[in-house]
Amino acid sequence: MRNILAALAIALSASATTGTFPASELSIGGVTSGATEGDVLTHLGSPTRRVETGEGTELHYPGLVVTVGWLEQKAPGSQRRVIALFGTGRNACTPQGICPGMPASAVVRLYGHAQQTERETGSFLEYQPAGLSCWLQISAPSGVIQTVAVACQP
C-alpha cells in the first residue's frame, strides 16, 4: 500500500502545473488552440505543406506546425479546428513572448516553476490552465528552449 501511495504522489507531482496559468497563453505564433482552419489560413496564409495524419491535417509553416481536426462531429457548415501547435522557429512564440532559442529560465520567470514531465517523446515543462484539457508544453533539455507546443487531450 505504501508503494502505491508513493507512486501516486510522484505521478501527481509530475503532472502539469495548474491554477494561475492563463488560457490565453495556449497560442503560438498568433494561432490559438481551438481556432478554425479558416482563421489559421487568414492569419498565416497558405501552408508550405499539408500532411494527413489520420487524426487530422498538419499545416506546415516555417518554424510552426498547426494540426487541425474535428473537435466535434462533422456537420454541415462546421470547420476543422486547431487541435495542436508545435513551434520550433524563433517566431513561434506565446503571447507573453516565450520562444524557441530563449533560455529556459525565461519560462520559469514568466510562468513560474513546473515539474519536469516525462513523456514518450521527451522531458517537458508543462503549464495547464484550470479546467482545460490543453496545456503548454516546452522542451528545453539543455537550458535553451527547443520547442514550444500546445497539446490537448480529447
N, C-alpha and C. Protein backbone atom coordinates (compact mmCIF):
# COMPACT_ATOMS: atom_id res chain seq x y z
N MET A 1 0.82 -1.19 0.00
CA MET A 1 0.00 0.00 0.00
C MET A 1 0.87 1.26 0.00
N ARG A 2 1.95 1.25 0.80
CA ARG A 2 2.84 2.39 0.88
C ARG A 2 3.45 2.69 -0.49
N ASN A 3 3.83 1.63 -1.25
CA ASN A 3 4.41 1.83 -2.58
C ASN A 3 3.40 2.44 -3.54
N ILE A 4 2.13 2.03 -3.42
CA ILE A 4 1.10 2.59 -4.29
C ILE A 4 0.91 4.06 -4.00
N LEU A 5 0.87 4.43 -2.71
CA LEU A 5 0.71 5.84 -2.33
C LEU A 5 1.91 6.67 -2.77
N ALA A 6 3.11 6.11 -2.65
CA ALA A 6 4.31 6.83 -3.09
C ALA A 6 4.29 7.04 -4.59
N ALA A 7 3.90 6.02 -5.34
CA ALA A 7 3.83 6.14 -6.80
C ALA A 7 2.79 7.17 -7.20
N LEU A 8 1.65 7.18 -6.50
CA LEU A 8 0.61 8.15 -6.78
C LEU A 8 1.09 9.56 -6.50
N ALA A 9 1.80 9.77 -5.41
CA ALA A 9 2.33 11.09 -5.07
C ALA A 9 3.32 11.57 -6.12
N ILE A 10 4.18 10.68 -6.60
CA ILE A 10 5.14 11.04 -7.64
C ILE A 10 4.41 11.40 -8.93
N ALA A 11 3.42 10.62 -9.30
CA ALA A 11 2.66 10.89 -10.53
C ALA A 11 1.96 12.23 -10.44
N LEU A 12 1.35 12.52 -9.29
CA LEU A 12 0.65 13.80 -9.14
C LEU A 12 1.61 14.97 -9.15
N SER A 13 2.79 14.82 -8.56
CA SER A 13 3.74 15.93 -8.54
C SER A 13 4.35 16.18 -9.91
N ALA A 14 4.30 15.18 -10.80
CA ALA A 14 4.86 15.33 -12.14
C ALA A 14 3.84 15.83 -13.15
N SER A 15 2.60 16.04 -12.72
CA SER A 15 1.58 16.50 -13.66
C SER A 15 1.77 17.97 -13.97
N ALA A 16 1.08 18.43 -15.00
CA ALA A 16 1.22 19.82 -15.44
C ALA A 16 0.78 20.79 -14.35
N THR A 17 1.46 21.94 -14.30
CA THR A 17 1.08 22.99 -13.37
C THR A 17 -0.30 23.51 -13.75
N THR A 18 -1.15 23.72 -12.74
CA THR A 18 -2.49 24.23 -13.00
C THR A 18 -2.76 25.43 -12.14
N GLY A 19 -3.88 26.07 -12.37
CA GLY A 19 -4.30 27.15 -11.49
C GLY A 19 -4.18 28.51 -12.13
N THR A 20 -3.08 29.19 -11.91
CA THR A 20 -2.96 30.58 -12.32
C THR A 20 -2.46 30.75 -13.75
N PHE A 21 -2.14 29.70 -14.43
CA PHE A 21 -1.66 29.82 -15.81
C PHE A 21 -2.84 30.20 -16.71
N PRO A 22 -2.74 31.33 -17.44
CA PRO A 22 -3.89 31.80 -18.23
C PRO A 22 -4.11 31.02 -19.52
N ALA A 23 -5.36 30.76 -19.83
CA ALA A 23 -5.73 30.05 -21.06
C ALA A 23 -5.28 30.82 -22.30
N SER A 24 -5.15 32.13 -22.19
CA SER A 24 -4.73 32.95 -23.34
C SER A 24 -3.32 32.60 -23.82
N GLU A 25 -2.54 31.90 -22.99
CA GLU A 25 -1.18 31.51 -23.37
C GLU A 25 -1.15 30.23 -24.20
N LEU A 26 -2.31 29.63 -24.47
CA LEU A 26 -2.37 28.44 -25.33
C LEU A 26 -2.45 28.88 -26.79
N SER A 27 -1.49 29.67 -27.17
CA SER A 27 -1.40 30.24 -28.51
C SER A 27 0.07 30.31 -28.89
N ILE A 28 0.37 29.97 -30.13
CA ILE A 28 1.75 30.04 -30.61
C ILE A 28 1.74 30.70 -31.98
N GLY A 29 2.60 31.67 -32.15
CA GLY A 29 2.70 32.37 -33.43
C GLY A 29 1.40 33.06 -33.84
N GLY A 30 0.59 33.43 -32.86
CA GLY A 30 -0.67 34.10 -33.14
C GLY A 30 -1.82 33.17 -33.45
N VAL A 31 -1.59 31.85 -33.37
CA VAL A 31 -2.64 30.86 -33.62
C VAL A 31 -3.04 30.27 -32.28
N THR A 32 -4.34 30.26 -32.01
CA THR A 32 -4.87 29.80 -30.74
C THR A 32 -5.45 28.41 -30.86
N SER A 33 -5.22 27.61 -29.84
CA SER A 33 -5.84 26.30 -29.76
C SER A 33 -7.36 26.46 -29.87
N GLY A 34 -8.00 25.68 -30.74
CA GLY A 34 -9.44 25.75 -30.94
C GLY A 34 -9.88 26.68 -32.05
N ALA A 35 -8.95 27.47 -32.61
CA ALA A 35 -9.29 28.36 -33.73
C ALA A 35 -9.71 27.53 -34.94
N THR A 36 -10.51 28.12 -35.81
CA THR A 36 -10.93 27.39 -37.02
C THR A 36 -9.79 27.35 -38.03
N GLU A 37 -9.88 26.39 -38.93
CA GLU A 37 -8.90 26.29 -40.00
C GLU A 37 -8.91 27.57 -40.83
N GLY A 38 -10.08 28.14 -41.06
CA GLY A 38 -10.19 29.39 -41.80
C GLY A 38 -9.45 30.53 -41.11
N ASP A 39 -9.54 30.59 -39.78
CA ASP A 39 -8.80 31.60 -39.02
C ASP A 39 -7.30 31.45 -39.22
N VAL A 40 -6.82 30.20 -39.21
CA VAL A 40 -5.39 29.93 -39.40
C VAL A 40 -4.94 30.42 -40.77
N LEU A 41 -5.71 30.06 -41.79
CA LEU A 41 -5.35 30.45 -43.16
C LEU A 41 -5.40 31.97 -43.34
N THR A 42 -6.34 32.63 -42.69
CA THR A 42 -6.41 34.08 -42.76
C THR A 42 -5.19 34.71 -42.09
N HIS A 43 -4.79 34.17 -40.95
CA HIS A 43 -3.68 34.73 -40.19
C HIS A 43 -2.31 34.40 -40.79
N LEU A 44 -2.11 33.14 -41.19
CA LEU A 44 -0.79 32.70 -41.64
C LEU A 44 -0.67 32.51 -43.16
N GLY A 45 -1.78 32.49 -43.87
CA GLY A 45 -1.74 32.26 -45.31
C GLY A 45 -1.69 30.78 -45.62
N SER A 46 -1.39 30.47 -46.86
CA SER A 46 -1.32 29.07 -47.29
C SER A 46 -0.10 28.39 -46.69
N PRO A 47 -0.27 27.16 -46.21
CA PRO A 47 0.88 26.44 -45.67
C PRO A 47 1.83 26.01 -46.77
N THR A 48 3.08 25.77 -46.40
CA THR A 48 4.07 25.29 -47.37
C THR A 48 3.84 23.82 -47.70
N ARG A 49 3.15 23.12 -46.77
CA ARG A 49 2.88 21.69 -46.96
C ARG A 49 1.70 21.29 -46.09
N ARG A 50 0.93 20.31 -46.55
CA ARG A 50 -0.17 19.70 -45.79
C ARG A 50 0.13 18.22 -45.66
N VAL A 51 -0.02 17.70 -44.45
CA VAL A 51 0.23 16.29 -44.21
C VAL A 51 -0.98 15.70 -43.48
N GLU A 52 -1.61 14.69 -44.08
CA GLU A 52 -2.73 13.99 -43.44
C GLU A 52 -2.15 12.99 -42.45
N THR A 53 -2.60 13.04 -41.20
CA THR A 53 -2.05 12.16 -40.17
C THR A 53 -2.99 11.02 -39.80
N GLY A 54 -4.21 11.05 -40.26
CA GLY A 54 -5.21 10.07 -39.85
C GLY A 54 -6.05 10.61 -38.70
N GLU A 55 -5.50 11.52 -37.92
CA GLU A 55 -6.25 12.16 -36.84
C GLU A 55 -6.54 13.62 -37.16
N GLY A 56 -5.96 14.11 -38.22
CA GLY A 56 -6.13 15.50 -38.61
C GLY A 56 -5.19 15.83 -39.76
N THR A 57 -5.06 17.12 -40.02
CA THR A 57 -4.17 17.59 -41.08
C THR A 57 -3.16 18.55 -40.48
N GLU A 58 -1.89 18.29 -40.73
CA GLU A 58 -0.83 19.19 -40.29
C GLU A 58 -0.64 20.25 -41.36
N LEU A 59 -0.72 21.51 -40.96
CA LEU A 59 -0.43 22.63 -41.84
C LEU A 59 0.96 23.12 -41.47
N HIS A 60 1.90 22.97 -42.40
CA HIS A 60 3.30 23.31 -42.12
C HIS A 60 3.61 24.73 -42.59
N TYR A 61 4.16 25.50 -41.66
CA TYR A 61 4.65 26.85 -41.91
C TYR A 61 6.09 26.89 -41.42
N PRO A 62 6.90 27.83 -41.87
CA PRO A 62 8.28 27.90 -41.37
C PRO A 62 8.32 28.02 -39.84
N GLY A 63 8.87 27.01 -39.19
CA GLY A 63 9.02 27.01 -37.74
C GLY A 63 7.76 26.74 -36.95
N LEU A 64 6.65 26.38 -37.62
CA LEU A 64 5.39 26.13 -36.91
C LEU A 64 4.56 25.09 -37.66
N VAL A 65 4.06 24.10 -36.92
CA VAL A 65 3.13 23.12 -37.47
C VAL A 65 1.82 23.27 -36.71
N VAL A 66 0.74 23.49 -37.45
CA VAL A 66 -0.59 23.64 -36.89
C VAL A 66 -1.39 22.41 -37.31
N THR A 67 -1.91 21.66 -36.35
CA THR A 67 -2.72 20.48 -36.66
C THR A 67 -4.19 20.84 -36.47
N VAL A 68 -4.97 20.62 -37.53
CA VAL A 68 -6.41 20.88 -37.47
C VAL A 68 -7.16 19.56 -37.61
N GLY A 69 -8.30 19.48 -36.93
CA GLY A 69 -9.12 18.28 -36.99
C GLY A 69 -10.51 18.61 -36.49
N TRP A 70 -11.34 17.58 -36.39
CA TRP A 70 -12.72 17.76 -35.94
C TRP A 70 -12.78 17.60 -34.44
N LEU A 71 -13.13 18.67 -33.74
CA LEU A 71 -13.30 18.61 -32.29
C LEU A 71 -14.68 18.10 -31.93
N GLU A 72 -15.63 18.30 -32.83
CA GLU A 72 -16.98 17.82 -32.63
C GLU A 72 -17.38 17.05 -33.88
N GLN A 73 -18.51 16.44 -33.85
CA GLN A 73 -18.96 15.67 -35.00
C GLN A 73 -19.06 16.58 -36.23
N LYS A 74 -18.56 16.10 -37.35
CA LYS A 74 -18.60 16.88 -38.59
C LYS A 74 -20.06 17.15 -38.95
N ALA A 75 -20.36 18.41 -39.16
CA ALA A 75 -21.72 18.82 -39.50
C ALA A 75 -21.65 19.85 -40.62
N PRO A 76 -22.71 19.98 -41.40
CA PRO A 76 -22.69 20.98 -42.47
C PRO A 76 -22.38 22.37 -41.91
N GLY A 77 -21.45 23.03 -42.55
CA GLY A 77 -21.08 24.38 -42.15
C GLY A 77 -20.04 24.46 -41.04
N SER A 78 -19.68 23.32 -40.43
CA SER A 78 -18.67 23.36 -39.38
C SER A 78 -17.28 23.27 -40.00
N GLN A 79 -16.30 23.79 -39.30
CA GLN A 79 -14.92 23.78 -39.79
C GLN A 79 -14.04 22.98 -38.84
N ARG A 80 -12.96 22.47 -39.40
CA ARG A 80 -11.96 21.83 -38.55
C ARG A 80 -11.34 22.91 -37.67
N ARG A 81 -10.87 22.47 -36.50
CA ARG A 81 -10.29 23.40 -35.53
C ARG A 81 -8.88 22.98 -35.15
N VAL A 82 -8.11 23.92 -34.61
CA VAL A 82 -6.74 23.66 -34.18
C VAL A 82 -6.77 22.73 -32.97
N ILE A 83 -6.11 21.57 -33.11
CA ILE A 83 -6.04 20.61 -32.02
C ILE A 83 -4.63 20.49 -31.46
N ALA A 84 -3.63 21.03 -32.16
CA ALA A 84 -2.25 21.01 -31.68
C ALA A 84 -1.43 22.07 -32.41
N LEU A 85 -0.43 22.57 -31.70
CA LEU A 85 0.52 23.53 -32.25
C LEU A 85 1.91 23.08 -31.85
N PHE A 86 2.87 23.19 -32.77
CA PHE A 86 4.25 22.77 -32.48
C PHE A 86 5.20 23.77 -33.13
N GLY A 87 5.86 24.57 -32.29
CA GLY A 87 6.74 25.61 -32.81
C GLY A 87 8.21 25.33 -32.55
N THR A 88 9.02 25.52 -33.57
CA THR A 88 10.47 25.38 -33.45
C THR A 88 11.21 26.63 -33.89
N GLY A 89 10.53 27.53 -34.56
CA GLY A 89 11.16 28.74 -35.09
C GLY A 89 11.15 29.88 -34.09
N ARG A 90 12.03 30.84 -34.29
CA ARG A 90 12.15 31.99 -33.37
C ARG A 90 10.89 32.84 -33.33
N ASN A 91 10.00 32.73 -34.30
CA ASN A 91 8.74 33.48 -34.30
C ASN A 91 7.57 32.66 -33.76
N ALA A 92 7.84 31.44 -33.34
CA ALA A 92 6.80 30.56 -32.79
C ALA A 92 6.71 30.82 -31.28
N CYS A 93 6.15 31.97 -30.94
CA CYS A 93 6.15 32.45 -29.56
C CYS A 93 4.75 32.44 -28.95
N THR A 94 4.71 32.36 -27.63
CA THR A 94 3.46 32.51 -26.90
C THR A 94 3.12 34.01 -26.86
N PRO A 95 1.90 34.36 -26.48
CA PRO A 95 1.54 35.78 -26.40
C PRO A 95 2.45 36.58 -25.46
N GLN A 96 2.97 35.95 -24.40
CA GLN A 96 3.86 36.64 -23.47
C GLN A 96 5.32 36.63 -23.93
N GLY A 97 5.60 36.03 -25.10
CA GLY A 97 6.94 36.11 -25.68
C GLY A 97 7.91 35.00 -25.35
N ILE A 98 7.42 33.82 -25.01
CA ILE A 98 8.29 32.66 -24.82
C ILE A 98 8.47 31.99 -26.18
N CYS A 99 9.75 31.91 -26.64
CA CYS A 99 10.05 31.44 -28.00
C CYS A 99 11.19 30.43 -27.97
N PRO A 100 11.23 29.54 -28.97
CA PRO A 100 12.41 28.68 -29.12
C PRO A 100 13.66 29.54 -29.27
N GLY A 101 14.75 29.07 -28.65
CA GLY A 101 16.02 29.79 -28.69
C GLY A 101 16.27 30.61 -27.43
N MET A 102 15.24 30.84 -26.63
CA MET A 102 15.39 31.60 -25.39
C MET A 102 15.90 30.68 -24.27
N PRO A 103 16.49 31.27 -23.24
CA PRO A 103 16.88 30.44 -22.08
C PRO A 103 15.64 29.93 -21.35
N ALA A 104 15.72 28.72 -20.84
CA ALA A 104 14.60 28.12 -20.11
C ALA A 104 14.26 28.93 -18.87
N SER A 105 15.19 29.65 -18.34
CA SER A 105 14.93 30.47 -17.14
C SER A 105 13.85 31.52 -17.42
N ALA A 106 13.70 31.94 -18.66
CA ALA A 106 12.66 32.92 -19.01
C ALA A 106 11.27 32.33 -18.79
N VAL A 107 11.11 31.04 -19.03
CA VAL A 107 9.82 30.38 -18.83
C VAL A 107 9.46 30.40 -17.35
N VAL A 108 10.41 30.03 -16.52
CA VAL A 108 10.17 29.98 -15.08
C VAL A 108 9.91 31.39 -14.55
N ARG A 109 10.64 32.37 -15.03
CA ARG A 109 10.45 33.75 -14.61
C ARG A 109 9.04 34.24 -14.95
N LEU A 110 8.55 33.87 -16.12
CA LEU A 110 7.24 34.35 -16.57
C LEU A 110 6.07 33.53 -16.03
N TYR A 111 6.20 32.19 -16.09
CA TYR A 111 5.07 31.32 -15.75
C TYR A 111 5.19 30.65 -14.38
N GLY A 112 6.37 30.70 -13.78
CA GLY A 112 6.58 30.01 -12.51
C GLY A 112 7.19 28.64 -12.72
N HIS A 113 7.45 27.97 -11.61
CA HIS A 113 8.09 26.65 -11.67
C HIS A 113 7.10 25.57 -12.08
N ALA A 114 7.60 24.58 -12.78
CA ALA A 114 6.82 23.41 -13.16
C ALA A 114 7.72 22.19 -13.02
N GLN A 115 7.14 21.09 -12.64
CA GLN A 115 7.88 19.84 -12.58
C GLN A 115 8.19 19.39 -14.00
N GLN A 116 9.35 18.79 -14.19
CA GLN A 116 9.64 18.17 -15.47
C GLN A 116 8.68 17.00 -15.65
N THR A 117 8.01 16.94 -16.79
CA THR A 117 7.08 15.86 -17.09
C THR A 117 7.74 14.95 -18.12
N GLU A 118 7.82 13.68 -17.80
CA GLU A 118 8.42 12.70 -18.71
C GLU A 118 7.33 12.11 -19.58
N ARG A 119 7.50 12.20 -20.88
CA ARG A 119 6.56 11.63 -21.84
C ARG A 119 7.34 10.74 -22.80
N GLU A 120 6.63 10.03 -23.66
CA GLU A 120 7.28 9.15 -24.64
C GLU A 120 8.26 9.90 -25.51
N THR A 121 7.95 11.17 -25.80
CA THR A 121 8.76 11.96 -26.74
C THR A 121 9.81 12.83 -26.07
N GLY A 122 9.93 12.75 -24.73
CA GLY A 122 10.96 13.52 -24.05
C GLY A 122 10.51 14.07 -22.72
N SER A 123 11.29 15.03 -22.23
CA SER A 123 11.04 15.66 -20.95
C SER A 123 10.61 17.11 -21.20
N PHE A 124 9.54 17.55 -20.53
CA PHE A 124 8.96 18.86 -20.82
C PHE A 124 8.60 19.62 -19.55
N LEU A 125 8.57 20.94 -19.66
CA LEU A 125 7.92 21.80 -18.68
C LEU A 125 6.51 21.97 -19.20
N GLU A 126 5.51 21.75 -18.36
CA GLU A 126 4.13 21.85 -18.81
C GLU A 126 3.33 22.76 -17.90
N TYR A 127 2.49 23.57 -18.52
CA TYR A 127 1.64 24.53 -17.82
C TYR A 127 0.22 24.37 -18.34
N GLN A 128 -0.74 24.19 -17.43
CA GLN A 128 -2.12 23.93 -17.84
C GLN A 128 -3.08 24.85 -17.11
N PRO A 129 -3.91 25.57 -17.87
CA PRO A 129 -4.95 26.38 -17.22
C PRO A 129 -5.96 25.46 -16.53
N ALA A 130 -6.50 25.93 -15.42
CA ALA A 130 -7.50 25.16 -14.69
C ALA A 130 -8.73 24.92 -15.56
N GLY A 131 -9.24 23.70 -15.53
CA GLY A 131 -10.49 23.38 -16.21
C GLY A 131 -10.37 23.11 -17.70
N LEU A 132 -9.17 23.12 -18.26
CA LEU A 132 -9.00 22.85 -19.69
C LEU A 132 -8.23 21.55 -19.90
N SER A 133 -8.46 20.93 -21.06
CA SER A 133 -7.75 19.70 -21.39
C SER A 133 -6.58 19.95 -22.33
N CYS A 134 -6.15 21.21 -22.43
CA CYS A 134 -4.98 21.58 -23.24
C CYS A 134 -3.93 22.20 -22.32
N TRP A 135 -2.68 22.10 -22.72
CA TRP A 135 -1.61 22.66 -21.91
C TRP A 135 -0.46 23.12 -22.80
N LEU A 136 0.37 24.01 -22.26
CA LEU A 136 1.57 24.47 -22.94
C LEU A 136 2.69 23.51 -22.57
N GLN A 137 3.44 23.07 -23.58
CA GLN A 137 4.49 22.08 -23.38
C GLN A 137 5.79 22.64 -23.96
N ILE A 138 6.80 22.77 -23.10
CA ILE A 138 8.06 23.39 -23.51
C ILE A 138 9.20 22.40 -23.34
N SER A 139 9.98 22.23 -24.40
CA SER A 139 11.15 21.36 -24.36
C SER A 139 12.39 22.25 -24.27
N ALA A 140 13.18 22.02 -23.21
CA ALA A 140 14.42 22.79 -23.02
C ALA A 140 15.46 21.90 -22.35
N PRO A 141 15.90 20.84 -23.06
CA PRO A 141 16.75 19.84 -22.43
C PRO A 141 18.12 20.35 -21.97
N SER A 142 18.66 21.36 -22.61
CA SER A 142 19.99 21.86 -22.22
C SER A 142 19.93 23.29 -21.71
N GLY A 143 18.77 23.68 -21.18
CA GLY A 143 18.63 25.03 -20.65
C GLY A 143 18.23 26.06 -21.68
N VAL A 144 18.04 25.63 -22.92
CA VAL A 144 17.59 26.50 -24.00
C VAL A 144 16.32 25.91 -24.60
N ILE A 145 15.31 26.75 -24.79
CA ILE A 145 14.04 26.26 -25.33
C ILE A 145 14.22 25.78 -26.76
N GLN A 146 13.88 24.52 -27.02
CA GLN A 146 13.95 23.97 -28.37
C GLN A 146 12.60 24.02 -29.05
N THR A 147 11.53 23.67 -28.30
CA THR A 147 10.20 23.66 -28.88
C THR A 147 9.20 24.26 -27.89
N VAL A 148 8.16 24.88 -28.47
CA VAL A 148 7.03 25.38 -27.72
C VAL A 148 5.81 24.77 -28.39
N ALA A 149 5.00 24.09 -27.62
CA ALA A 149 3.85 23.38 -28.20
C ALA A 149 2.61 23.55 -27.33
N VAL A 150 1.46 23.37 -27.97
CA VAL A 150 0.20 23.27 -27.25
C VAL A 150 -0.33 21.88 -27.57
N ALA A 151 -0.59 21.12 -26.52
CA ALA A 151 -1.11 19.77 -26.68
C ALA A 151 -2.48 19.70 -25.99
N CYS A 152 -3.36 18.87 -26.54
CA CYS A 152 -4.70 18.72 -25.98
C CYS A 152 -5.06 17.25 -25.91
N GLN A 153 -5.89 16.92 -24.94
CA GLN A 153 -6.46 15.58 -24.85
C GLN A 153 -7.95 15.71 -25.09
N PRO A 154 -8.51 14.80 -25.87
CA PRO A 154 -9.96 14.88 -26.11
C PRO A 154 -10.75 14.60 -24.86
